[in-house]
Amino acid sequence: MADETKILAEEYKSKIQQKELDKAAFTEEQRLLRTLGPKRWAEMRQLIKEQVDQLNVEMGHEAISWDDPHSYRISITRKGDGAKLEQY
């Protein structure tokens, strides 16, 4: 019986440790999202804008417009048919 109790106690300790590790990992992930997320989003927006501009240069006219100056979203429109891509 003592061996079974020891095994159960070890399993329970292991579960508690895993929960603590999961909580710490979640907290760190949230911190990274708060600190790095906005920077990465801005970098991605800038890269997309540069690609849109480069495509328009290659096309010789504004084939795609960058519609949105807001920092929290992306909005581009294909001029030929008005198809729009938006991401918030």
N, C-alpha and C. Protein backbone atom coordinates (compact mmCIF):
# COMPACT_ATOMS: atom_id res chain seq x y z
N MET A 1 0.83 -1.19 0.00
CA MET A 1 0.00 0.00 0.00
C MET A 1 0.86 1.25 0.00
N ALA A 2 1.96 1.23 0.74
CA ALA A 2 2.83 2.40 0.81
C ALA A 2 3.44 2.70 -0.56
N ASP A 3 3.76 1.66 -1.32
CA ASP A 3 4.30 1.86 -2.66
C ASP A 3 3.28 2.52 -3.58
N GLU A 4 2.02 2.12 -3.48
CA GLU A 4 0.97 2.73 -4.29
C GLU A 4 0.79 4.20 -3.93
N THR A 5 0.85 4.50 -2.65
CA THR A 5 0.72 5.88 -2.20
C THR A 5 1.90 6.71 -2.71
N LYS A 6 3.08 6.13 -2.67
CA LYS A 6 4.26 6.82 -3.16
C LYS A 6 4.12 7.11 -4.65
N ILE A 7 3.65 6.13 -5.41
CA ILE A 7 3.45 6.31 -6.86
C ILE A 7 2.42 7.40 -7.12
N LEU A 8 1.30 7.35 -6.41
CA LEU A 8 0.25 8.37 -6.58
C LEU A 8 0.79 9.76 -6.23
N ALA A 9 1.55 9.85 -5.16
CA ALA A 9 2.12 11.13 -4.74
C ALA A 9 3.08 11.66 -5.81
N GLU A 10 3.89 10.80 -6.37
CA GLU A 10 4.82 11.21 -7.42
C GLU A 10 4.08 11.68 -8.67
N GLU A 11 3.03 10.96 -9.04
CA GLU A 11 2.22 11.36 -10.19
C GLU A 11 1.57 12.72 -9.95
N TYR A 12 1.05 12.91 -8.75
CA TYR A 12 0.41 14.17 -8.40
C TYR A 12 1.42 15.32 -8.41
N LYS A 13 2.60 15.08 -7.84
CA LYS A 13 3.66 16.09 -7.86
C LYS A 13 4.04 16.45 -9.30
N SER A 14 4.12 15.45 -10.14
CA SER A 14 4.47 15.65 -11.53
C SER A 14 3.41 16.51 -12.24
N LYS A 15 2.14 16.23 -11.96
CA LYS A 15 1.06 17.02 -12.56
C LYS A 15 1.12 18.47 -12.09
N ILE A 16 1.39 18.67 -10.81
CA ILE A 16 1.50 20.03 -10.27
C ILE A 16 2.65 20.77 -10.92
N GLN A 17 3.79 20.11 -11.05
CA GLN A 17 4.95 20.73 -11.70
C GLN A 17 4.64 21.08 -13.14
N GLN A 18 3.96 20.18 -13.85
CA GLN A 18 3.63 20.44 -15.25
C GLN A 18 2.69 21.63 -15.37
N LYS A 19 1.72 21.73 -14.47
CA LYS A 19 0.81 22.87 -14.49
C LYS A 19 1.57 24.17 -14.25
N GLU A 20 2.53 24.15 -13.34
CA GLU A 20 3.33 25.34 -13.06
C GLU A 20 4.18 25.72 -14.28
N LEU A 21 4.75 24.72 -14.95
CA LEU A 21 5.52 24.97 -16.16
C LEU A 21 4.64 25.53 -17.27
N ASP A 22 3.45 24.96 -17.44
CA ASP A 22 2.51 25.44 -18.45
C ASP A 22 2.10 26.88 -18.18
N LYS A 23 1.86 27.19 -16.91
CA LYS A 23 1.47 28.55 -16.54
C LYS A 23 2.62 29.53 -16.82
N ALA A 24 3.83 29.13 -16.48
CA ALA A 24 4.99 29.99 -16.73
C ALA A 24 5.19 30.19 -18.24
N ALA A 25 5.01 29.14 -19.02
CA ALA A 25 5.16 29.25 -20.47
C ALA A 25 4.08 30.17 -21.05
N PHE A 26 2.86 30.04 -20.56
CA PHE A 26 1.77 30.89 -21.03
C PHE A 26 2.05 32.35 -20.68
N THR A 27 2.50 32.60 -19.48
CA THR A 27 2.82 33.96 -19.05
C THR A 27 3.92 34.56 -19.92
N GLU A 28 4.94 33.78 -20.21
CA GLU A 28 6.03 34.25 -21.05
C GLU A 28 5.54 34.52 -22.47
N GLU A 29 4.70 33.65 -22.99
CA GLU A 29 4.15 33.85 -24.33
C GLU A 29 3.34 35.15 -24.39
N GLN A 30 2.55 35.40 -23.37
CA GLN A 30 1.76 36.64 -23.32
C GLN A 30 2.67 37.86 -23.25
N ARG A 31 3.74 37.77 -22.48
CA ARG A 31 4.68 38.88 -22.38
C ARG A 31 5.33 39.16 -23.73
N LEU A 32 5.72 38.10 -24.42
CA LEU A 32 6.33 38.26 -25.74
C LEU A 32 5.36 38.87 -26.74
N LEU A 33 4.11 38.42 -26.68
CA LEU A 33 3.11 38.99 -27.58
C LEU A 33 2.91 40.47 -27.32
N ARG A 34 2.89 40.86 -26.06
CA ARG A 34 2.72 42.28 -25.72
C ARG A 34 3.92 43.11 -26.13
N THR A 35 5.11 42.56 -25.97
CA THR A 35 6.30 43.36 -26.24
C THR A 35 6.77 43.27 -27.69
N LEU A 36 6.73 42.08 -28.28
CA LEU A 36 7.21 41.91 -29.64
C LEU A 36 6.11 41.94 -30.69
N GLY A 37 4.91 41.61 -30.30
CA GLY A 37 3.80 41.53 -31.24
C GLY A 37 3.60 42.79 -32.06
N PRO A 38 3.47 43.96 -31.43
CA PRO A 38 3.26 45.19 -32.21
C PRO A 38 4.41 45.49 -33.18
N LYS A 39 5.64 45.21 -32.76
CA LYS A 39 6.79 45.45 -33.63
C LYS A 39 6.74 44.51 -34.83
N ARG A 40 6.46 43.25 -34.59
CA ARG A 40 6.40 42.28 -35.69
C ARG A 40 5.25 42.62 -36.65
N TRP A 41 4.12 43.04 -36.11
CA TRP A 41 2.97 43.43 -36.94
C TRP A 41 3.36 44.61 -37.83
N ALA A 42 4.02 45.62 -37.26
CA ALA A 42 4.45 46.79 -38.03
C ALA A 42 5.44 46.38 -39.12
N GLU A 43 6.35 45.47 -38.79
CA GLU A 43 7.32 44.99 -39.79
C GLU A 43 6.61 44.26 -40.93
N MET A 44 5.62 43.44 -40.60
CA MET A 44 4.89 42.71 -41.62
C MET A 44 4.10 43.68 -42.50
N ARG A 45 3.44 44.67 -41.90
CA ARG A 45 2.71 45.67 -42.68
C ARG A 45 3.64 46.40 -43.64
N GLN A 46 4.81 46.78 -43.14
CA GLN A 46 5.77 47.49 -43.99
C GLN A 46 6.24 46.62 -45.14
N LEU A 47 6.50 45.37 -44.88
CA LEU A 47 6.92 44.44 -45.93
C LEU A 47 5.84 44.29 -46.99
N ILE A 48 4.60 44.14 -46.56
CA ILE A 48 3.49 44.01 -47.52
C ILE A 48 3.37 45.29 -48.35
N LYS A 49 3.45 46.44 -47.69
CA LYS A 49 3.36 47.72 -48.41
C LYS A 49 4.47 47.83 -49.45
N GLU A 50 5.67 47.45 -49.08
CA GLU A 50 6.79 47.49 -50.02
C GLU A 50 6.53 46.57 -51.21
N GLN A 51 5.98 45.40 -50.96
CA GLN A 51 5.68 44.46 -52.05
C GLN A 51 4.59 45.01 -52.96
N VAL A 52 3.57 45.65 -52.38
CA VAL A 52 2.52 46.27 -53.18
C VAL A 52 3.12 47.36 -54.06
N ASP A 53 3.95 48.21 -53.47
CA ASP A 53 4.59 49.29 -54.22
C ASP A 53 5.46 48.73 -55.35
N GLN A 54 6.21 47.70 -55.05
CA GLN A 54 7.09 47.09 -56.05
C GLN A 54 6.28 46.47 -57.19
N LEU A 55 5.18 45.82 -56.87
CA LEU A 55 4.32 45.25 -57.90
C LEU A 55 3.78 46.35 -58.81
N ASN A 56 3.34 47.45 -58.21
CA ASN A 56 2.82 48.56 -59.00
C ASN A 56 3.88 49.14 -59.93
N VAL A 57 5.11 49.22 -59.46
CA VAL A 57 6.20 49.69 -60.31
C VAL A 57 6.38 48.74 -61.49
N GLU A 58 6.40 47.45 -61.22
CA GLU A 58 6.56 46.45 -62.27
C GLU A 58 5.40 46.49 -63.26
N MET A 59 4.20 46.75 -62.77
CA MET A 59 3.02 46.80 -63.63
C MET A 59 2.99 48.09 -64.47
N GLY A 60 3.65 49.12 -63.99
CA GLY A 60 3.64 50.39 -64.70
C GLY A 60 2.44 51.26 -64.37
N HIS A 61 1.63 50.80 -63.45
CA HIS A 61 0.47 51.56 -62.98
C HIS A 61 0.03 51.00 -61.62
N GLU A 62 -0.90 51.68 -60.99
CA GLU A 62 -1.35 51.22 -59.68
C GLU A 62 -2.34 50.07 -59.86
N ALA A 63 -1.84 48.87 -59.86
CA ALA A 63 -2.67 47.68 -59.99
C ALA A 63 -3.31 47.31 -58.66
N ILE A 64 -2.60 47.59 -57.58
CA ILE A 64 -3.09 47.30 -56.22
C ILE A 64 -2.88 48.55 -55.39
N SER A 65 -3.91 48.92 -54.65
CA SER A 65 -3.76 50.09 -53.79
C SER A 65 -3.66 49.67 -52.33
N TRP A 66 -2.85 50.40 -51.61
CA TRP A 66 -2.70 50.23 -50.15
C TRP A 66 -3.69 51.21 -49.56
N ASP A 67 -4.79 50.71 -48.99
CA ASP A 67 -5.92 51.54 -48.63
C ASP A 67 -5.93 52.03 -47.20
N ASP A 68 -5.13 51.48 -46.36
CA ASP A 68 -5.34 51.72 -44.95
C ASP A 68 -4.12 52.21 -44.21
N PRO A 69 -4.13 53.44 -43.75
CA PRO A 69 -3.00 53.95 -42.97
C PRO A 69 -3.04 53.55 -41.50
N HIS A 70 -4.12 52.91 -41.06
CA HIS A 70 -4.25 52.53 -39.64
C HIS A 70 -3.25 51.42 -39.30
N SER A 71 -2.68 51.53 -38.14
CA SER A 71 -1.62 50.59 -37.76
C SER A 71 -2.13 49.23 -37.31
N TYR A 72 -3.42 49.10 -37.08
CA TYR A 72 -3.95 47.86 -36.54
C TYR A 72 -4.56 46.94 -37.61
N ARG A 73 -4.51 47.36 -38.88
CA ARG A 73 -5.09 46.51 -39.91
C ARG A 73 -4.35 46.68 -41.24
N ILE A 74 -4.70 45.78 -42.17
CA ILE A 74 -4.17 45.83 -43.54
C ILE A 74 -5.38 45.84 -44.47
N SER A 75 -5.35 46.68 -45.46
CA SER A 75 -6.41 46.72 -46.45
C SER A 75 -5.79 47.09 -47.79
N ILE A 76 -5.89 46.17 -48.75
CA ILE A 76 -5.39 46.43 -50.10
C ILE A 76 -6.49 46.05 -51.08
N THR A 77 -6.52 46.77 -52.21
CA THR A 77 -7.56 46.54 -53.21
C THR A 77 -6.93 46.36 -54.58
N ARG A 78 -7.41 45.36 -55.30
CA ARG A 78 -6.99 45.14 -56.68
C ARG A 78 -7.83 46.08 -57.55
N LYS A 79 -7.18 46.97 -58.28
CA LYS A 79 -7.87 48.01 -59.03
C LYS A 79 -8.76 47.47 -60.14
N GLY A 80 -8.32 46.42 -60.82
CA GLY A 80 -9.05 45.90 -61.97
C GLY A 80 -10.48 45.49 -61.68
N ASP A 81 -10.67 44.79 -60.58
CA ASP A 81 -12.01 44.28 -60.27
C ASP A 81 -12.51 44.68 -58.89
N GLY A 82 -11.72 45.44 -58.16
CA GLY A 82 -12.14 45.92 -56.84
C GLY A 82 -12.07 44.87 -55.74
N ALA A 83 -11.46 43.72 -56.02
CA ALA A 83 -11.33 42.70 -54.97
C ALA A 83 -10.49 43.28 -53.85
N LYS A 84 -10.91 43.04 -52.63
CA LYS A 84 -10.26 43.66 -51.48
C LYS A 84 -9.82 42.59 -50.48
N LEU A 85 -8.64 42.81 -49.92
CA LEU A 85 -8.12 41.97 -48.85
C LEU A 85 -8.02 42.85 -47.60
N GLU A 86 -8.64 42.42 -46.53
CA GLU A 86 -8.56 43.15 -45.28
C GLU A 86 -8.21 42.19 -44.15
N GLN A 87 -7.34 42.65 -43.28
CA GLN A 87 -6.95 41.87 -42.11
C GLN A 87 -6.90 42.79 -40.92
N TYR A 88 -7.61 42.44 -39.89
CA TYR A 88 -7.64 43.23 -38.65
C TYR A 88 -6.89 42.52 -37.56
